[in-house]
């Protein structure tokens, strides 16, 4: 674990608008910047309410963002982006829309392809267009980060791009936009936001400058997630979750996630389990597995969620599992359509995600990963 003197770089959007009702401030900002041609990257539902952003000028809508988008989805977006010749690209939706918007901002009109930029710091030049992010869920924190993920349909692997050139010029976070999110999705994405914070807090790269956001993000989820699930129109609860998600995004840049996300990814790439649901199902298992390596931080996480200190790994698991189960989240792989005979293949896929597993506070062998999948089955 890193100490206080360890070097760290903090990167976040220059402008962050936060609060119920601020969505229309994007249009005001865009006009002030002189943007006349705008491409909005969204799913079909959010495309139907793009007027809430107050955008003016020639607006092109790409409304075909898919959950867990793959390279084909990105290729279709890039065709639209090249045709639109936009001056501003807006990601309007969940993490999938925002990640595709980031990639379009640096690849449209560029001589580089996706394969050229996979990995850290491979985007060759500053982007030519503005980039704005407007989240409509409270989970990914992608509005604040410099990473984007897209799935390779041939290998079923996540391709991760990281570049300062994908940092948004402005992030507009209006919790009112999340009030239409169904209870089950609210629960799963809320635990995903918490997982970002927990995995950063317990990370081998953990740093006190990020710990502050991480543990507060966990507290916000512990305080507000059940309320938002019970009443989607609870403005204070929705704002609390939006802030937790933003804090999770702050954690991702300088520290990133670890074992939990590595184990969750194959559920999405191979069996199309929603990212939030996958992370929620895996979360208690990895928290308990890691607890011997980070006992004090595990105790702080449980306290932030309202639980007493746990005396054993089993007690850690029971508390975290109970938190997720009480929210109505499905906590069995078998109930999500994952066949048991695929668990060893999934374990191999997860074990190969070294960019995350190497951050984990306790080494996870392929056998450990398989054991976790079997316990979750």
Protein backbone atom coordinates (compact mmCIF):
# COMPACT_ATOMS: atom_id res chain seq x y z
CA UNK A 1 0.00 0.00 0.00
CA UNK A 2 1.36 3.40 -0.91
CA UNK A 3 2.28 5.86 1.81
CA UNK A 4 1.56 9.57 2.08
CA UNK A 5 4.81 10.69 0.36
CA UNK A 6 4.17 8.47 -2.70
CA UNK A 7 3.73 10.44 -5.95
CA UNK A 8 0.23 10.58 -7.40
CA UNK A 9 -1.45 12.46 -10.24
CA UNK A 10 -5.03 13.68 -9.92
CA UNK A 11 -6.95 14.39 -13.13
CA UNK A 12 -10.59 15.46 -13.37
CA UNK A 13 -12.79 17.56 -15.69
CA UNK A 14 -12.11 21.29 -15.59
CA UNK A 15 -15.81 22.03 -15.05
CA UNK A 16 -18.19 19.89 -12.99
CA UNK A 17 -21.81 20.95 -12.76
CA UNK A 18 -23.65 19.05 -10.02
CA UNK A 19 -27.21 19.18 -8.71
CA UNK A 20 -30.81 18.43 -9.52
CA UNK A 21 -31.88 20.47 -12.53
CA UNK A 22 -28.45 21.37 -13.92
CA UNK A 23 -28.75 19.34 -17.16
CA UNK A 24 -29.65 22.42 -19.21
CA UNK A 25 -26.40 24.12 -18.23
CA UNK A 26 -24.67 22.00 -20.85
CA UNK A 27 -26.42 23.89 -23.62
CA UNK A 28 -25.49 27.23 -22.08
CA UNK A 29 -21.85 26.18 -21.85
CA UNK A 30 -21.82 24.81 -25.41
CA UNK A 31 -23.17 28.07 -26.82
CA UNK A 32 -20.58 30.04 -24.88
CA UNK A 33 -17.85 27.85 -26.39
CA UNK A 34 -19.18 28.49 -29.89
CA UNK A 35 -20.08 24.88 -30.68
CA UNK A 36 -22.56 24.70 -33.57
CA UNK A 37 -22.41 21.02 -34.58
CA UNK A 38 -23.02 18.51 -31.80
CA UNK A 39 -23.02 14.71 -31.77
CA UNK A 40 -24.90 13.12 -28.87
CA UNK A 41 -23.95 9.50 -28.09
CA UNK A 42 -26.79 7.78 -26.30
CA UNK A 43 -29.13 4.84 -26.02
CA UNK A 44 -32.67 5.00 -27.41
CA UNK A 45 -34.31 6.03 -24.13
CA UNK A 46 -31.99 8.91 -23.33
CA UNK A 47 -32.04 10.06 -26.94
CA UNK A 48 -35.77 10.69 -26.46
CA UNK A 49 -35.02 13.31 -23.80
CA UNK A 50 -31.98 15.01 -25.28
CA UNK A 51 -33.93 18.29 -25.22
CA UNK A 52 -33.23 18.43 -21.46
CA UNK A 53 -29.62 19.31 -22.28
CA UNK A 54 -30.57 22.61 -23.91
CA UNK A 55 -28.28 22.05 -26.89
CA UNK A 56 -28.52 24.34 -29.91
CA UNK A 57 -27.33 24.21 -33.51
CA UNK A 58 -27.07 21.12 -35.71
CA UNK A 59 -27.54 18.09 -33.47
CA UNK A 60 -26.77 14.55 -34.65
CA UNK A 61 -28.07 11.71 -32.49
CA UNK A 62 -26.39 8.32 -32.29
CA UNK A 63 -29.03 6.44 -30.31
CA UNK A 64 -27.74 2.90 -30.74
CA UNK A 65 -25.41 2.44 -27.76
CA UNK A 66 -25.59 -1.16 -26.55
CA UNK A 67 -24.99 -2.43 -23.02
CA UNK A 68 -21.39 -3.67 -22.75
CA UNK A 69 -20.63 -2.22 -26.22
CA UNK A 70 -18.36 -4.10 -28.58
CA UNK A 71 -16.09 -2.97 -31.38
CA UNK A 72 -18.91 -3.28 -33.93
CA UNK A 73 -20.95 -0.78 -31.93
CA UNK A 74 -17.95 1.56 -31.89
CA UNK A 75 -17.43 1.16 -35.65
CA UNK A 76 -21.03 2.22 -36.32
CA UNK A 77 -20.58 5.25 -34.08
CA UNK A 78 -17.38 6.26 -35.83
CA UNK A 79 -19.17 6.18 -39.20
CA UNK A 80 -21.78 8.58 -37.84
CA UNK A 81 -19.15 10.76 -36.14
CA UNK A 82 -17.07 11.10 -39.29
CA UNK A 83 -20.16 12.06 -41.27
CA UNK A 84 -21.41 14.57 -38.68
CA UNK A 85 -18.08 16.42 -38.44
CA UNK A 86 -19.13 17.52 -34.94
CA UNK A 87 -17.37 20.22 -32.95
CA UNK A 88 -18.67 18.78 -29.66
CA UNK A 89 -19.34 15.16 -28.68
CA UNK A 90 -21.66 14.48 -25.75
CA UNK A 91 -21.88 11.19 -23.89
CA UNK A 92 -25.46 11.02 -22.55
CA UNK A 93 -26.30 7.85 -20.66
CA UNK A 94 -24.55 5.25 -18.56
CA UNK A 95 -20.95 4.15 -18.73
CA UNK A 96 -21.38 2.55 -22.15
CA UNK A 97 -22.50 5.80 -23.78
CA UNK A 98 -19.83 7.85 -22.04
CA UNK A 99 -17.04 5.39 -22.92
CA UNK A 100 -18.07 5.32 -26.59
CA UNK A 101 -18.20 9.13 -26.61
CA UNK A 102 -14.62 9.23 -25.31
CA UNK A 103 -13.43 6.87 -28.02
CA UNK A 104 -15.28 8.75 -30.75
CA UNK A 105 -13.74 12.02 -29.56
CA UNK A 106 -10.20 10.74 -30.10
CA UNK A 107 -10.72 8.37 -33.06
CA UNK A 108 -13.15 10.19 -35.37
CA UNK A 109 -11.13 11.86 -38.12
CA UNK A 110 -7.91 10.37 -36.73
CA UNK A 111 -5.34 8.26 -38.54
CA UNK A 112 -5.25 5.97 -35.50
CA UNK A 113 -7.49 2.94 -35.13
CA UNK A 114 -8.82 1.41 -31.93
CA UNK A 115 -6.05 -1.19 -31.95
CA UNK A 116 -3.48 1.60 -32.14
CA UNK A 117 -4.68 3.15 -28.88
CA UNK A 118 -5.49 0.15 -26.67
CA UNK A 119 -3.47 0.48 -23.49
CA UNK A 120 -2.21 3.50 -21.55
CA UNK A 121 -1.22 6.78 -23.20
CA UNK A 122 -1.26 5.67 -26.84
CA UNK A 123 -3.55 8.36 -28.26
CA UNK A 124 -1.04 10.29 -30.35
CA UNK A 125 -2.55 13.77 -30.44
CA UNK A 126 -4.88 16.11 -28.62
CA UNK A 127 -8.43 15.63 -29.82
CA UNK A 128 -9.91 18.19 -32.22
CA UNK A 129 -13.41 18.28 -30.70
CA UNK A 130 -14.94 19.21 -27.38
CA UNK A 131 -16.12 16.44 -25.06
CA UNK A 132 -18.96 16.62 -22.54
CA UNK A 133 -20.30 13.86 -20.33
CA UNK A 134 -23.79 13.66 -18.81
CA UNK A 135 -24.41 10.50 -16.74
CA UNK A 136 -27.95 9.18 -16.36
CA UNK A 137 -27.06 6.38 -13.93
CA UNK A 138 -25.14 6.39 -10.66
CA UNK A 139 -22.53 3.71 -11.04
CA UNK A 140 -19.63 3.99 -13.44
CA UNK A 141 -18.20 7.44 -12.68
CA UNK A 142 -17.02 7.45 -16.29
CA UNK A 143 -17.81 11.15 -16.56
CA UNK A 144 -14.74 11.91 -14.44
CA UNK A 145 -12.21 9.53 -15.93
CA UNK A 146 -9.73 9.00 -18.74
CA UNK A 147 -10.43 5.32 -19.47
CA UNK A 148 -12.85 3.68 -21.88
CA UNK A 149 -13.69 0.01 -22.31
CA UNK A 150 -15.08 -1.83 -25.31
CA UNK A 151 -15.43 -5.59 -25.88
CA UNK A 152 -13.65 -7.52 -28.61
CA UNK A 153 -16.39 -9.91 -29.84
CA UNK A 154 -13.84 -12.45 -31.10
CA UNK A 155 -11.83 -12.84 -27.91
CA UNK A 156 -14.60 -11.78 -25.47
CA UNK A 157 -12.00 -9.59 -23.78
CA UNK A 158 -12.33 -6.01 -22.65
CA UNK A 159 -10.12 -3.59 -24.55
CA UNK A 160 -9.07 -0.74 -22.27
CA UNK A 161 -7.95 2.63 -23.59
CA UNK A 162 -6.46 5.21 -21.25
CA UNK A 163 -5.57 8.74 -22.31
CA UNK A 164 -5.63 12.25 -20.90
CA UNK A 165 -7.14 13.24 -24.25
CA UNK A 166 -10.35 11.42 -23.26
CA UNK A 167 -10.93 13.62 -20.22
CA UNK A 168 -14.18 15.57 -20.54
CA UNK A 169 -14.08 19.36 -20.79
CA UNK A 170 -17.25 19.43 -18.72
CA UNK A 171 -19.21 16.88 -16.69
CA UNK A 172 -22.84 17.73 -16.00
CA UNK A 173 -24.21 15.54 -13.21
CA UNK A 174 -27.94 16.01 -12.71
CA UNK A 175 -29.31 13.46 -10.21
CA UNK A 176 -32.79 14.21 -11.56
CA UNK A 177 -31.85 12.31 -14.71
CA UNK A 178 -31.44 9.12 -12.65
CA UNK A 179 -34.94 9.12 -11.20
CA UNK A 180 -36.26 6.99 -14.07
CA UNK A 181 -33.73 4.21 -13.40
CA UNK A 182 -35.58 1.05 -12.23
CA UNK A 183 -35.04 -0.19 -8.69
CA UNK A 184 -33.05 -3.28 -9.70
CA UNK A 185 -30.69 -1.24 -11.88
CA UNK A 186 -30.37 1.41 -9.18
CA UNK A 187 -29.30 -1.27 -6.71
CA UNK A 188 -26.75 -2.91 -9.01
CA UNK A 189 -25.21 0.33 -10.28
CA UNK A 190 -25.05 1.69 -6.75
CA UNK A 191 -23.02 -1.32 -5.64
CA UNK A 192 -20.81 -0.85 -8.73
CA UNK A 193 -20.08 2.72 -7.60
CA UNK A 194 -19.28 1.39 -4.14
CA UNK A 195 -17.04 -1.31 -5.62
CA UNK A 196 -14.98 1.36 -7.40
CA UNK A 197 -14.44 3.06 -4.06
CA UNK A 198 -13.77 -0.14 -2.11
CA UNK A 199 -11.31 -1.52 -4.66
CA UNK A 200 -9.42 1.77 -4.76
CA UNK A 201 -9.42 2.01 -0.94
CA UNK A 202 -7.96 -1.48 -0.51
CA UNK A 203 -5.70 -1.30 -3.59
CA UNK A 204 -1.94 -1.86 -3.63
CA UNK A 205 -1.75 1.61 -5.18
CA UNK A 206 -4.04 3.15 -2.54
CA UNK A 207 -3.14 6.69 -1.53
CA UNK A 208 -4.47 8.91 1.29
CA UNK A 209 -5.42 11.58 -1.24
CA UNK A 210 -7.82 9.10 -2.88
CA UNK A 211 -8.81 7.27 0.32
CA UNK A 212 -10.72 10.37 1.34
CA UNK A 213 -13.04 10.11 -1.70
CA UNK A 214 -13.18 6.33 -1.56
CA UNK A 215 -14.43 5.92 1.99
CA UNK A 216 -16.87 8.82 1.63
CA UNK A 217 -18.24 7.17 -1.51
CA UNK A 218 -18.85 3.99 0.49
CA UNK A 219 -20.60 6.00 3.23
CA UNK A 220 -22.86 7.69 0.68
CA UNK A 221 -23.89 4.33 -0.78
CA UNK A 222 -24.48 2.92 2.69
CA UNK A 223 -26.66 5.89 3.58
CA UNK A 224 -28.62 6.40 0.38
CA UNK A 225 -28.78 3.30 -1.81
CA UNK A 226 -31.60 1.52 0.01
CA UNK A 227 -33.59 4.77 0.04
CA UNK A 228 -33.21 5.24 -3.71
CA UNK A 229 -34.19 1.64 -4.37
CA UNK A 230 -37.32 2.06 -2.24
CA UNK A 231 -38.26 5.45 -3.71
CA UNK A 232 -36.73 6.42 -7.03
CA UNK A 233 -38.03 9.97 -6.72
CA UNK A 234 -36.10 10.64 -3.48
CA UNK A 235 -34.01 13.59 -4.69
CA UNK A 236 -31.61 13.57 -1.74
CA UNK A 237 -30.93 9.84 -2.12
CA UNK A 238 -30.41 10.18 -5.87
CA UNK A 239 -28.02 13.08 -5.31
CA UNK A 240 -26.11 11.05 -2.72
CA UNK A 241 -25.65 8.20 -5.17
CA UNK A 242 -24.63 10.54 -7.99
CA UNK A 243 -21.96 11.97 -5.72
CA UNK A 244 -20.80 8.49 -4.71
CA UNK A 245 -20.52 7.56 -8.38
CA UNK A 246 -18.50 10.72 -9.10
CA UNK A 247 -16.18 9.95 -6.18
CA UNK A 248 -15.75 6.44 -7.58
CA UNK A 249 -14.73 8.05 -10.86
CA UNK A 250 -12.15 10.13 -9.02
CA UNK A 251 -10.75 6.87 -7.62
CA UNK A 252 -10.44 5.19 -11.01
CA UNK A 253 -7.92 7.53 -12.61
CA UNK A 254 -4.94 7.49 -10.23
CA UNK A 255 -5.63 4.14 -8.51
CA UNK A 256 -8.17 2.04 -10.48
CA UNK A 257 -10.05 -1.11 -9.51
CA UNK A 258 -8.69 -4.52 -8.62
CA UNK A 259 -9.78 -8.14 -8.19
CA UNK A 260 -13.51 -7.53 -7.97
CA UNK A 261 -13.75 -5.96 -11.40
CA UNK A 262 -11.38 -8.52 -12.92
CA UNK A 263 -13.72 -11.31 -11.79
CA UNK A 264 -16.83 -9.41 -12.89
CA UNK A 265 -15.72 -8.72 -16.46
CA UNK A 266 -16.11 -12.27 -17.85
CA UNK A 267 -19.72 -12.31 -16.69
CA UNK A 268 -20.41 -9.38 -18.98
CA UNK A 269 -18.24 -10.30 -21.95
CA UNK A 270 -19.19 -14.00 -22.06
CA UNK A 271 -22.75 -14.03 -20.70
CA UNK A 272 -23.90 -10.42 -21.07
CA UNK A 273 -24.60 -9.92 -17.39
CA UNK A 274 -25.00 -6.18 -16.79
CA UNK A 275 -21.81 -4.66 -15.43
CA UNK A 276 -23.40 -3.40 -12.22
CA UNK A 277 -25.10 -6.73 -11.51
CA UNK A 278 -21.86 -8.61 -12.12
CA UNK A 279 -19.90 -6.41 -9.75
CA UNK A 280 -22.57 -6.61 -7.06
CA UNK A 281 -22.59 -10.41 -7.18
CA UNK A 282 -18.80 -10.66 -6.96
CA UNK A 283 -18.31 -7.86 -4.40
CA UNK A 284 -18.87 -9.79 -1.10
CA UNK A 285 -16.64 -12.67 -2.17
CA UNK A 286 -13.62 -10.52 -3.05
CA UNK A 287 -14.06 -8.21 -0.05
CA UNK A 288 -13.97 -11.25 2.25
CA UNK A 289 -11.04 -12.83 0.37
CA UNK A 290 -8.99 -9.63 0.68
CA UNK A 291 -9.87 -8.91 4.30
CA UNK A 292 -6.83 -10.68 5.88
CA UNK A 293 -4.53 -8.44 3.81
CA UNK A 294 -6.31 -5.18 4.70
CA UNK A 295 -8.10 -5.75 8.02
CA UNK A 296 -8.26 -2.12 9.14
CA UNK A 297 -9.60 -0.88 5.83
CA UNK A 298 -12.11 -3.73 5.69
CA UNK A 299 -13.36 -2.68 9.13
CA UNK A 300 -13.69 0.91 7.90
CA UNK A 301 -15.72 -0.26 4.89
CA UNK A 302 -18.10 -2.27 7.06
CA UNK A 303 -18.48 0.67 9.44
CA UNK A 304 -19.27 2.97 6.49
CA UNK A 305 -22.04 0.56 5.50
CA UNK A 306 -23.40 0.51 9.03
CA UNK A 307 -22.03 -2.86 10.17
CA UNK A 308 -20.09 -3.79 13.29
CA UNK A 309 -16.48 -5.01 12.94
CA UNK A 310 -16.24 -8.56 11.63
CA UNK A 311 -14.11 -11.13 13.43
CA UNK A 312 -13.63 -13.46 10.46
CA UNK A 313 -13.71 -13.65 6.67
CA UNK A 314 -17.04 -15.42 6.95
CA UNK A 315 -18.47 -12.52 8.95
CA UNK A 316 -17.16 -10.02 6.38
CA UNK A 317 -18.82 -12.02 3.63
CA UNK A 318 -22.11 -12.32 5.52
CA UNK A 319 -22.31 -8.55 6.10
CA UNK A 320 -21.49 -7.61 2.49
CA UNK A 321 -23.68 -10.33 1.00
CA UNK A 322 -26.54 -9.32 3.26
CA UNK A 323 -26.19 -5.69 2.18
CA UNK A 324 -26.51 -6.63 -1.50
CA UNK A 325 -29.17 -9.30 -1.02
CA UNK A 326 -31.39 -6.94 1.00
CA UNK A 327 -31.40 -4.59 -1.98
CA UNK A 328 -32.96 -7.34 -4.09
CA UNK A 329 -29.81 -8.08 -6.12
CA UNK A 330 -29.51 -11.60 -7.54
CA UNK A 331 -26.47 -13.12 -5.84
CA UNK A 332 -26.27 -16.51 -7.64
CA UNK A 333 -24.46 -17.04 -10.91
CA UNK A 334 -26.74 -19.96 -11.70
CA UNK A 335 -29.77 -17.65 -11.67
CA UNK A 336 -28.13 -15.37 -14.24
CA UNK A 337 -27.87 -18.05 -16.89
CA UNK A 338 -24.17 -18.80 -16.46
CA UNK A 339 -23.50 -22.51 -17.08
CA UNK A 340 -21.41 -24.22 -14.45
CA UNK A 341 -19.09 -25.86 -16.96
CA UNK A 342 -17.98 -22.39 -18.13
CA UNK A 343 -16.62 -21.39 -14.73
CA UNK A 344 -13.07 -22.67 -15.42
CA UNK A 345 -12.96 -20.74 -18.70
CA UNK A 346 -14.18 -17.62 -16.91
CA UNK A 347 -11.50 -18.12 -14.25
CA UNK A 348 -8.86 -18.23 -16.97
CA UNK A 349 -10.23 -15.06 -18.57
CA UNK A 350 -10.28 -13.23 -15.23
CA UNK A 351 -6.78 -14.40 -14.29
CA UNK A 352 -5.46 -12.87 -17.51
CA UNK A 353 -6.63 -9.36 -16.54
CA UNK A 354 -3.32 -8.45 -14.95
CA UNK A 355 -3.88 -4.68 -15.18
CA UNK A 356 -6.46 -5.14 -12.40
CA UNK A 357 -5.36 -8.28 -10.57
CA UNK A 358 -1.92 -6.83 -9.98
CA UNK A 359 -3.62 -4.06 -7.97
CA UNK A 360 -5.34 -6.49 -5.63
CA UNK A 361 -4.09 -6.39 -2.02
CA UNK A 362 -3.94 -10.19 -1.88
CA UNK A 363 -2.74 -12.40 -4.72
CA UNK A 364 -5.59 -14.18 -6.50
CA UNK A 365 -4.54 -17.42 -8.18
CA UNK A 366 -6.59 -18.96 -10.96
CA UNK A 367 -7.68 -21.61 -8.47
CA UNK A 368 -8.80 -18.89 -6.02
CA UNK A 369 -10.85 -17.25 -8.76
CA UNK A 370 -12.49 -20.54 -9.70
CA UNK A 371 -13.31 -21.16 -6.02
CA UNK A 372 -15.00 -17.78 -5.81
CA UNK A 373 -17.06 -18.46 -8.94
CA UNK A 374 -18.05 -21.85 -7.54
CA UNK A 375 -19.06 -20.29 -4.22
CA UNK A 376 -21.10 -17.68 -6.08
CA UNK A 377 -22.80 -20.27 -8.25
